[in-house]
Amino acid sequence: MSEETQTSPSPGRPELPDHLSIDPRSLHHVAAVFEHDIGIRFNGKERFDVSEYCISQGWVKVPSGKTLDRKGNPLLIQLKGKVEAFYK
């Protein structure tokens, strides 16, 4: 994909934020972005299990297997590398 499709919005699509989370309780959750299909490319490979990302700091958070925390949410691990977000 070209550089312009990664963060530039098309008509009707909001710009992808630098930091985004799928958890609606998070301060970094933007519901308008999730009305469209988005993709995350981490170190050159598209990932489908990303729960949160930050492009400027270069990390993603993904579930750690089937492990759950004490509230029943998936336990997340942080991976560092090159992060790209784009609309599909």
PDB file of N, CA and C in Angstrom:
ATOM      1  N   MET A   1       0.836  -1.172   0.000  1.00  0.00           N
ATOM      2  CA  MET A   1       0.000   0.000   0.000  1.00  0.00           C
ATOM      3  C   MET A   1       0.883   1.237   0.000  1.00  0.00           C
ATOM      4  N   SER A   2       0.366   2.307  -0.529  1.00  0.00           N
ATOM      5  CA  SER A   2       1.136   3.539  -0.571  1.00  0.00           C
ATOM      6  C   SER A   2       1.058   4.252   0.770  1.00  0.00           C
ATOM      7  N   GLU A   3       1.990   5.171   0.978  1.00  0.00           N
ATOM      8  CA  GLU A   3       2.047   5.905   2.235  1.00  0.00           C
ATOM      9  C   GLU A   3       0.782   6.714   2.478  1.00  0.00           C
ATOM     10  N   GLU A   4       0.172   7.249   1.409  1.00  0.00           N
ATOM     11  CA  GLU A   4      -0.979   8.122   1.584  1.00  0.00           C
ATOM     12  C   GLU A   4      -2.217   7.401   2.097  1.00  0.00           C
ATOM     13  N   THR A   5      -2.336   6.087   1.909  1.00  0.00           N
ATOM     14  CA  THR A   5      -3.520   5.367   2.359  1.00  0.00           C
ATOM     15  C   THR A   5      -3.446   4.958   3.822  1.00  0.00           C
ATOM     16  N   GLN A   6      -2.331   5.153   4.465  1.00  0.00           N
ATOM     17  CA  GLN A   6      -2.193   4.667   5.826  1.00  0.00           C
ATOM     18  C   GLN A   6      -2.895   5.533   6.845  1.00  0.00           C
ATOM     19  N   THR A   7      -2.742   6.839   6.775  1.00  0.00           N
ATOM     20  CA  THR A   7      -3.385   7.681   7.771  1.00  0.00           C
ATOM     21  C   THR A   7      -4.266   8.762   7.174  1.00  0.00           C
ATOM     22  N   SER A   8      -4.210   8.979   5.852  1.00  0.00           N
ATOM     23  CA  SER A   8      -5.037  10.032   5.281  1.00  0.00           C
ATOM     24  C   SER A   8      -6.466   9.519   5.118  1.00  0.00           C
ATOM     25  N   PRO A   9      -7.433  10.298   5.597  1.00  0.00           N
ATOM     26  CA  PRO A   9      -8.816   9.852   5.522  1.00  0.00           C
ATOM     27  C   PRO A   9      -9.411  10.063   4.144  1.00  0.00           C
ATOM     28  N   SER A  10     -10.313   9.202   3.754  1.00  0.00           N
ATOM     29  CA  SER A  10     -11.108   9.386   2.560  1.00  0.00           C
ATOM     30  C   SER A  10     -12.348  10.157   2.975  1.00  0.00           C
ATOM     31  N   PRO A  11     -13.134  10.625   2.022  1.00  0.00           N
ATOM     32  CA  PRO A  11     -14.363  11.317   2.406  1.00  0.00           C
ATOM     33  C   PRO A  11     -15.234  10.428   3.292  1.00  0.00           C
ATOM     34  N   GLY A  12     -15.637  10.949   4.433  1.00  0.00           N
ATOM     35  CA  GLY A  12     -16.484  10.193   5.347  1.00  0.00           C
ATOM     36  C   GLY A  12     -15.730   9.352   6.360  1.00  0.00           C
ATOM     37  N   ARG A  13     -14.410   9.301   6.248  1.00  0.00           N
ATOM     38  CA  ARG A  13     -13.608   8.529   7.212  1.00  0.00           C
ATOM     39  C   ARG A  13     -12.784   9.472   8.063  1.00  0.00           C
ATOM     40  N   PRO A  14     -12.791   9.297   9.385  1.00  0.00           N
ATOM     41  CA  PRO A  14     -11.947  10.140  10.227  1.00  0.00           C
ATOM     42  C   PRO A  14     -10.478   9.751  10.083  1.00  0.00           C
ATOM     43  N   GLU A  15      -9.600  10.681  10.398  1.00  0.00           N
ATOM     44  CA  GLU A  15      -8.171  10.394  10.345  1.00  0.00           C
ATOM     45  C   GLU A  15      -7.822   9.391  11.440  1.00  0.00           C
ATOM     46  N   LEU A  16      -6.947   8.449  11.118  1.00  0.00           N
ATOM     47  CA  LEU A  16      -6.531   7.454  12.113  1.00  0.00           C
ATOM     48  C   LEU A  16      -5.640   8.114  13.154  1.00  0.00           C
ATOM     49  N   PRO A  17      -5.953   7.917  14.444  1.00  0.00           N
ATOM     50  CA  PRO A  17      -5.144   8.546  15.495  1.00  0.00           C
ATOM     51  C   PRO A  17      -3.805   7.839  15.678  1.00  0.00           C
ATOM     52  N   ASP A  18      -2.887   8.527  16.355  1.00  0.00           N
ATOM     53  CA  ASP A  18      -1.580   7.970  16.654  1.00  0.00           C
ATOM     54  C   ASP A  18      -1.688   6.831  17.668  1.00  0.00           C
ATOM     55  N   HIS A  19      -2.642   6.933  18.579  1.00  0.00           N
ATOM     56  CA  HIS A  19      -2.828   5.943  19.643  1.00  0.00           C
ATOM     57  C   HIS A  19      -4.299   5.546  19.643  1.00  0.00           C
ATOM     58  N   LEU A  20      -4.584   4.247  19.483  1.00  0.00           N
ATOM     59  CA  LEU A  20      -5.967   3.787  19.400  1.00  0.00           C
ATOM     60  C   LEU A  20      -6.134   2.482  20.173  1.00  0.00           C
ATOM     61  N   SER A  21      -7.278   2.346  20.851  1.00  0.00           N
ATOM     62  CA  SER A  21      -7.588   1.153  21.633  1.00  0.00           C
ATOM     63  C   SER A  21      -8.977   0.648  21.260  1.00  0.00           C
ATOM     64  N   ILE A  22      -9.165  -0.677  21.294  1.00  0.00           N
ATOM     65  CA  ILE A  22     -10.490  -1.239  21.013  1.00  0.00           C
ATOM     66  C   ILE A  22     -11.377  -1.254  22.250  1.00  0.00           C
ATOM     67  N   ASP A  23     -10.801  -1.020  23.431  1.00  0.00           N
ATOM     68  CA  ASP A  23     -11.558  -1.025  24.683  1.00  0.00           C
ATOM     69  C   ASP A  23     -12.362   0.273  24.823  1.00  0.00           C
ATOM     70  N   PRO A  24     -13.699   0.208  24.854  1.00  0.00           N
ATOM     71  CA  PRO A  24     -14.506   1.427  24.944  1.00  0.00           C
ATOM     72  C   PRO A  24     -14.290   2.225  26.227  1.00  0.00           C
ATOM     73  N   ARG A  25     -13.727   1.629  27.263  1.00  0.00           N
ATOM     74  CA  ARG A  25     -13.465   2.340  28.510  1.00  0.00           C
ATOM     75  C   ARG A  25     -12.169   3.152  28.461  1.00  0.00           C
ATOM     76  N   SER A  26     -11.355   2.929  27.450  1.00  0.00           N
ATOM     77  CA  SER A  26     -10.065   3.596  27.334  1.00  0.00           C
ATOM     78  C   SER A  26     -10.228   5.036  26.858  1.00  0.00           C
ATOM     79  N   LEU A  27      -9.299   5.894  27.262  1.00  0.00           N
ATOM     80  CA  LEU A  27      -9.276   7.274  26.780  1.00  0.00           C
ATOM     81  C   LEU A  27      -8.901   7.343  25.304  1.00  0.00           C
ATOM     82  N   HIS A  28      -8.279   6.287  24.794  1.00  0.00           N
ATOM     83  CA  HIS A  28      -7.801   6.262  23.411  1.00  0.00           C
ATOM     84  C   HIS A  28      -8.762   5.547  22.468  1.00  0.00           C
ATOM     85  N   HIS A  29      -9.969   5.321  22.900  1.00  0.00           N
ATOM     86  CA  HIS A  29     -10.986   4.682  22.063  1.00  0.00           C
ATOM     87  C   HIS A  29     -11.720   5.758  21.263  1.00  0.00           C
ATOM     88  N   VAL A  30     -11.749   5.608  19.924  1.00  0.00           N
ATOM     89  CA  VAL A  30     -12.458   6.543  19.045  1.00  0.00           C
ATOM     90  C   VAL A  30     -13.482   5.720  18.274  1.00  0.00           C
ATOM     91  N   ALA A  31     -14.748   5.816  18.673  1.00  0.00           N
ATOM     92  CA  ALA A  31     -15.798   4.976  18.097  1.00  0.00           C
ATOM     93  C   ALA A  31     -15.983   5.227  16.603  1.00  0.00           C
ATOM     94  N   ALA A  32     -15.785   6.456  16.140  1.00  0.00           N
ATOM     95  CA  ALA A  32     -15.985   6.784  14.725  1.00  0.00           C
ATOM     96  C   ALA A  32     -15.024   6.013  13.820  1.00  0.00           C
ATOM     97  N   VAL A  33     -13.834   5.711  14.309  1.00  0.00           N
ATOM     98  CA  VAL A  33     -12.850   4.959  13.514  1.00  0.00           C
ATOM     99  C   VAL A  33     -13.324   3.523  13.309  1.00  0.00           C
ATOM    100  N   PHE A  34     -13.974   2.943  14.309  1.00  0.00           N
ATOM    101  CA  PHE A  34     -14.373   1.539  14.242  1.00  0.00           C
ATOM    102  C   PHE A  34     -15.619   1.309  13.391  1.00  0.00           C
ATOM    103  N   GLU A  35     -16.202   2.366  12.850  1.00  0.00           N
ATOM    104  CA  GLU A  35     -17.316   2.203  11.908  1.00  0.00           C
ATOM    105  C   GLU A  35     -16.808   1.742  10.550  1.00  0.00           C
ATOM    106  N   HIS A  36     -15.498   1.784  10.329  1.00  0.00           N
ATOM    107  CA  HIS A  36     -14.853   1.380   9.074  1.00  0.00           C
ATOM    108  C   HIS A  36     -13.857   0.271   9.372  1.00  0.00           C
ATOM    109  N   ASP A  37     -13.520  -0.510   8.348  1.00  0.00           N
ATOM    110  CA  ASP A  37     -12.504  -1.554   8.513  1.00  0.00           C
ATOM    111  C   ASP A  37     -11.122  -0.916   8.551  1.00  0.00           C
ATOM    112  N   ILE A  38     -10.370  -1.221   9.596  1.00  0.00           N
ATOM    113  CA  ILE A  38      -8.995  -0.752   9.684  1.00  0.00           C
ATOM    114  C   ILE A  38      -8.071  -1.947   9.797  1.00  0.00           C
ATOM    115  N   GLY A  39      -6.827  -1.738   9.423  1.00  0.00           N
ATOM    116  CA  GLY A  39      -5.830  -2.788   9.519  1.00  0.00           C
ATOM    117  C   GLY A  39      -4.595  -2.262  10.219  1.00  0.00           C
ATOM    118  N   ILE A  40      -3.859  -3.172  10.830  1.00  0.00           N
ATOM    119  CA  ILE A  40      -2.616  -2.827  11.518  1.00  0.00           C
ATOM    120  C   ILE A  40      -1.512  -3.700  10.930  1.00  0.00           C
ATOM    121  N   ARG A  41      -0.461  -3.057  10.464  1.00  0.00           N
ATOM    122  CA  ARG A  41       0.707  -3.770   9.973  1.00  0.00           C
ATOM    123  C   ARG A  41       1.812  -3.566  10.996  1.00  0.00           C
ATOM    124  N   PHE A  42       2.335  -4.668  11.532  1.00  0.00           N
ATOM    125  CA  PHE A  42       3.372  -4.625  12.559  1.00  0.00           C
ATOM    126  C   PHE A  42       4.604  -5.339  12.017  1.00  0.00           C
ATOM    127  N   ASN A  43       5.705  -4.609  11.902  1.00  0.00           N
ATOM    128  CA  ASN A  43       6.958  -5.135  11.341  1.00  0.00           C
ATOM    129  C   ASN A  43       6.743  -5.778   9.971  1.00  0.00           C
ATOM    130  N   GLY A  44       5.907  -5.148   9.141  1.00  0.00           N
ATOM    131  CA  GLY A  44       5.700  -5.614   7.775  1.00  0.00           C
ATOM    132  C   GLY A  44       4.634  -6.678   7.597  1.00  0.00           C
ATOM    133  N   LYS A  45       4.063  -7.207   8.671  1.00  0.00           N
ATOM    134  CA  LYS A  45       3.018  -8.226   8.579  1.00  0.00           C
ATOM    135  C   LYS A  45       1.716  -7.678   9.147  1.00  0.00           C
ATOM    136  N   GLU A  46       0.610  -7.982   8.480  1.00  0.00           N
ATOM    137  CA  GLU A  46      -0.685  -7.547   8.983  1.00  0.00           C
ATOM    138  C   GLU A  46      -1.086  -8.412  10.168  1.00  0.00           C
ATOM    139  N   ARG A  47      -1.491  -7.758  11.256  1.00  0.00           N
ATOM    140  CA  ARG A  47      -1.922  -8.468  12.469  1.00  0.00           C
ATOM    141  C   ARG A  47      -3.416  -8.260  12.650  1.00  0.00           C
ATOM    142  N   PHE A  48      -4.092  -9.316  13.098  1.00  0.00           N
ATOM    143  CA  PHE A  48      -5.533  -9.268  13.284  1.00  0.00           C
ATOM    144  C   PHE A  48      -5.928  -9.348  14.759  1.00  0.00           C
ATOM    145  N   ASP A  49      -4.941  -9.410  15.665  1.00  0.00           N
ATOM    146  CA  ASP A  49      -5.225  -9.579  17.087  1.00  0.00           C
ATOM    147  C   ASP A  49      -4.787  -8.381  17.934  1.00  0.00           C
ATOM    148  N   VAL A  50      -4.593  -7.221  17.319  1.00  0.00           N
ATOM    149  CA  VAL A  50      -4.114  -6.041  18.036  1.00  0.00           C
ATOM    150  C   VAL A  50      -5.252  -5.411  18.833  1.00  0.00           C
ATOM    151  N   SER A  51      -5.025  -5.186  20.123  1.00  0.00           N
ATOM    152  CA  SER A  51      -6.015  -4.553  21.000  1.00  0.00           C
ATOM    153  C   SER A  51      -5.764  -3.059  21.147  1.00  0.00           C
ATOM    154  N   GLU A  52      -4.526  -2.657  21.015  1.00  0.00           N
ATOM    155  CA  GLU A  52      -4.161  -1.246  21.171  1.00  0.00           C
ATOM    156  C   GLU A  52      -2.852  -1.022  20.436  1.00  0.00           C
ATOM    157  N   TYR A  53      -2.666   0.192  19.890  1.00  0.00           N
ATOM    158  CA  TYR A  53      -1.409   0.502  19.221  1.00  0.00           C
ATOM    159  C   TYR A  53      -1.025   1.952  19.449  1.00  0.00           C
ATOM    160  N   CYS A  54       0.253   2.252  19.263  1.00  0.00           N
ATOM    161  CA  CYS A  54       0.767   3.614  19.274  1.00  0.00           C
ATOM    162  C   CYS A  54       1.834   3.685  18.185  1.00  0.00           C
ATOM    163  N   ILE A  55       1.578   4.484  17.176  1.00  0.00           N
ATOM    164  CA  ILE A  55       2.499   4.579  16.042  1.00  0.00           C
ATOM    165  C   ILE A  55       3.776   5.321  16.430  1.00  0.00           C
ATOM    166  N   SER A  56       3.656   6.468  17.127  1.00  0.00           N
ATOM    167  CA  SER A  56       4.833   7.286  17.442  1.00  0.00           C
ATOM    168  C   SER A  56       5.799   6.580  18.395  1.00  0.00           C
ATOM    169  N   GLN A  57       5.279   5.786  19.322  1.00  0.00           N
ATOM    170  CA  GLN A  57       6.148   5.076  20.260  1.00  0.00           C
ATOM    171  C   GLN A  57       6.535   3.692  19.743  1.00  0.00           C
ATOM    172  N   GLY A  58       5.871   3.205  18.680  1.00  0.00           N
ATOM    173  CA  GLY A  58       6.247   1.949  18.045  1.00  0.00           C
ATOM    174  C   GLY A  58       5.921   0.706  18.841  1.00  0.00           C
ATOM    175  N   TRP A  59       4.663   0.560  19.288  1.00  0.00           N
ATOM    176  CA  TRP A  59       4.276  -0.649  20.007  1.00  0.00           C
ATOM    177  C   TRP A  59       2.827  -1.019  19.725  1.00  0.00           C
ATOM    178  N   VAL A  60       2.529  -2.293  19.930  1.00  0.00           N
ATOM    179  CA  VAL A  60       1.161  -2.812  19.875  1.00  0.00           C
ATOM    180  C   VAL A  60       0.942  -3.667  21.107  1.00  0.00           C
ATOM    181  N   LYS A  61      -0.313  -3.799  21.521  1.00  0.00           N
ATOM    182  CA  LYS A  61      -0.663  -4.703  22.613  1.00  0.00           C
ATOM    183  C   LYS A  61      -1.550  -5.797  22.038  1.00  0.00           C
ATOM    184  N   VAL A  62      -1.173  -7.035  22.311  1.00  0.00           N
ATOM    185  CA  VAL A  62      -1.903  -8.196  21.819  1.00  0.00           C
ATOM    186  C   VAL A  62      -2.187  -9.143  22.982  1.00  0.00           C
ATOM    187  N   PRO A  63      -3.245  -9.962  22.873  1.00  0.00           N
ATOM    188  CA  PRO A  63      -3.540 -10.928  23.936  1.00  0.00           C
ATOM    189  C   PRO A  63      -2.431 -11.974  24.066  1.00  0.00           C
ATOM    190  N   SER A  64      -2.192 -12.385  25.291  1.00  0.00           N
ATOM    191  CA  SER A  64      -1.179 -13.392  25.574  1.00  0.00           C
ATOM    192  C   SER A  64      -1.852 -14.755  25.703  1.00  0.00           C
ATOM    193  N   GLY A  65      -2.095 -15.403  24.587  1.00  0.00           N
ATOM    194  CA  GLY A  65      -2.749 -16.714  24.596  1.00  0.00           C
ATOM    195  C   GLY A  65      -4.149 -16.638  25.144  1.00  0.00           C
ATOM    196  N   LYS A  66      -4.519 -17.598  25.973  1.00  0.00           N
ATOM    197  CA  LYS A  66      -5.858 -17.631  26.561  1.00  0.00           C
ATOM    198  C   LYS A  66      -5.867 -17.131  28.005  1.00  0.00           C
ATOM    199  N   THR A  67      -4.763 -16.533  28.431  1.00  0.00           N
ATOM    200  CA  THR A  67      -4.639 -16.050  29.799  1.00  0.00           C
ATOM    201  C   THR A  67      -5.565 -14.857  30.035  1.00  0.00           C
ATOM    202  N   LEU A  68      -6.262 -14.869  31.179  1.00  0.00           N
ATOM    203  CA  LEU A  68      -7.172 -13.797  31.533  1.00  0.00           C
ATOM    204  C   LEU A  68      -6.704 -13.114  32.808  1.00  0.00           C
ATOM    205  N   ASP A  69      -7.012 -11.823  32.934  1.00  0.00           N
ATOM    206  CA  ASP A  69      -6.711 -11.138  34.183  1.00  0.00           C
ATOM    207  C   ASP A  69      -7.816 -11.410  35.196  1.00  0.00           C
ATOM    208  N   ARG A  70      -7.760 -10.821  36.370  1.00  0.00           N
ATOM    209  CA  ARG A  70      -8.724 -11.131  37.427  1.00  0.00           C
ATOM    210  C   ARG A  70     -10.132 -10.625  37.127  1.00  0.00           C
ATOM    211  N   LYS A  71     -10.270  -9.744  36.144  1.00  0.00           N
ATOM    212  CA  LYS A  71     -11.594  -9.253  35.754  1.00  0.00           C
ATOM    213  C   LYS A  71     -12.156  -9.998  34.545  1.00  0.00           C
ATOM    214  N   GLY A  72     -11.422 -10.984  34.051  1.00  0.00           N
ATOM    215  CA  GLY A  72     -11.892 -11.789  32.935  1.00  0.00           C
ATOM    216  C   GLY A  72     -11.521 -11.259  31.563  1.00  0.00           C
ATOM    217  N   ASN A  73     -10.703 -10.216  31.518  1.00  0.00           N
ATOM    218  CA  ASN A  73     -10.245  -9.658  30.249  1.00  0.00           C
ATOM    219  C   ASN A  73      -8.959 -10.355  29.827  1.00  0.00           C
ATOM    220  N   PRO A  74      -8.692 -10.417  28.521  1.00  0.00           N
ATOM    221  CA  PRO A  74      -7.439 -11.041  28.077  1.00  0.00           C
ATOM    222  C   PRO A  74      -6.220 -10.295  28.623  1.00  0.00           C
ATOM    223  N   LEU A  75      -5.212 -11.039  29.036  1.00  0.00           N
ATOM    224  CA  LEU A  75      -3.964 -10.452  29.493  1.00  0.00           C
ATOM    225  C   LEU A  75      -3.190 -10.012  28.255  1.00  0.00           C
ATOM    226  N   LEU A  76      -2.777  -8.733  28.217  1.00  0.00           N
ATOM    227  CA  LEU A  76      -2.126  -8.176  27.041  1.00  0.00           C
ATOM    228  C   LEU A  76      -0.628  -8.064  27.243  1.00  0.00           C
ATOM    229  N   ILE A  77       0.130  -8.306  26.164  1.00  0.00           N
ATOM    230  CA  ILE A  77       1.570  -8.073  26.182  1.00  0.00           C
ATOM    231  C   ILE A  77       1.873  -6.989  25.154  1.00  0.00           C
ATOM    232  N   GLN A  78       2.919  -6.242  25.420  1.00  0.00           N
ATOM    233  CA  GLN A  78       3.305  -5.143  24.544  1.00  0.00           C
ATOM    234  C   GLN A  78       4.491  -5.582  23.700  1.00  0.00           C
ATOM    235  N   LEU A  79       4.363  -5.425  22.378  1.00  0.00           N
ATOM    236  CA  LEU A  79       5.424  -5.756  21.442  1.00  0.00           C
ATOM    237  C   LEU A  79       5.912  -4.469  20.795  1.00  0.00           C
ATOM    238  N   LYS A  80       7.222  -4.327  20.630  1.00  0.00           N
ATOM    239  CA  LYS A  80       7.779  -3.117  20.042  1.00  0.00           C
ATOM    240  C   LYS A  80       8.267  -3.399  18.631  1.00  0.00           C
ATOM    241  N   GLY A  81       8.059  -2.406  17.764  1.00  0.00           N
ATOM    242  CA  GLY A  81       8.481  -2.522  16.378  1.00  0.00           C
ATOM    243  C   GLY A  81       7.842  -1.420  15.553  1.00  0.00           C
ATOM    244  N   LYS A  82       7.872  -1.575  14.234  1.00  0.00           N
ATOM    245  CA  LYS A  82       7.302  -0.587  13.324  1.00  0.00           C
ATOM    246  C   LYS A  82       5.804  -0.842  13.180  1.00  0.00           C
ATOM    247  N   VAL A  83       5.001   0.182  13.454  1.00  0.00           N
ATOM    248  CA  VAL A  83       3.539   0.065  13.429  1.00  0.00           C
ATOM    249  C   VAL A  83       2.977   0.960  12.339  1.00  0.00           C
ATOM    250  N   GLU A  84       2.082   0.412  11.508  1.00  0.00           N
ATOM    251  CA  GLU A  84       1.378   1.168  10.485  1.00  0.00           C
ATOM    252  C   GLU A  84      -0.100   0.865  10.594  1.00  0.00           C
ATOM    253  N   ALA A  85      -0.923   1.906  10.552  1.00  0.00           N
ATOM    254  CA  ALA A  85      -2.385   1.740  10.583  1.00  0.00           C
ATOM    255  C   ALA A  85      -2.933   2.231   9.242  1.00  0.00           C
ATOM    256  N   PHE A  86      -3.968   1.535   8.743  1.00  0.00           N
ATOM    257  CA  PHE A  86      -4.539   1.907   7.453  1.00  0.00           C
ATOM    258  C   PHE A  86      -5.985   1.470   7.377  1.00  0.00           C
ATOM    259  N   TYR A  87      -6.725   2.124   6.492  1.00  0.00           N
ATOM    260  CA  TYR A  87      -8.091   1.704   6.202  1.00  0.00           C
ATOM    261  C   TYR A  87      -8.053   0.636   5.121  1.00  0.00           C
ATOM    262  N   LYS A  88      -8.888  -0.376   5.255  1.00  0.00           N
ATOM    263  CA  LYS A  88      -8.948  -1.444   4.256  1.00  0.00           C
ATOM    264  C   LYS A  88      -9.871  -1.049   3.134  1.00  0.00           C
TER     265      LYS A  88
END
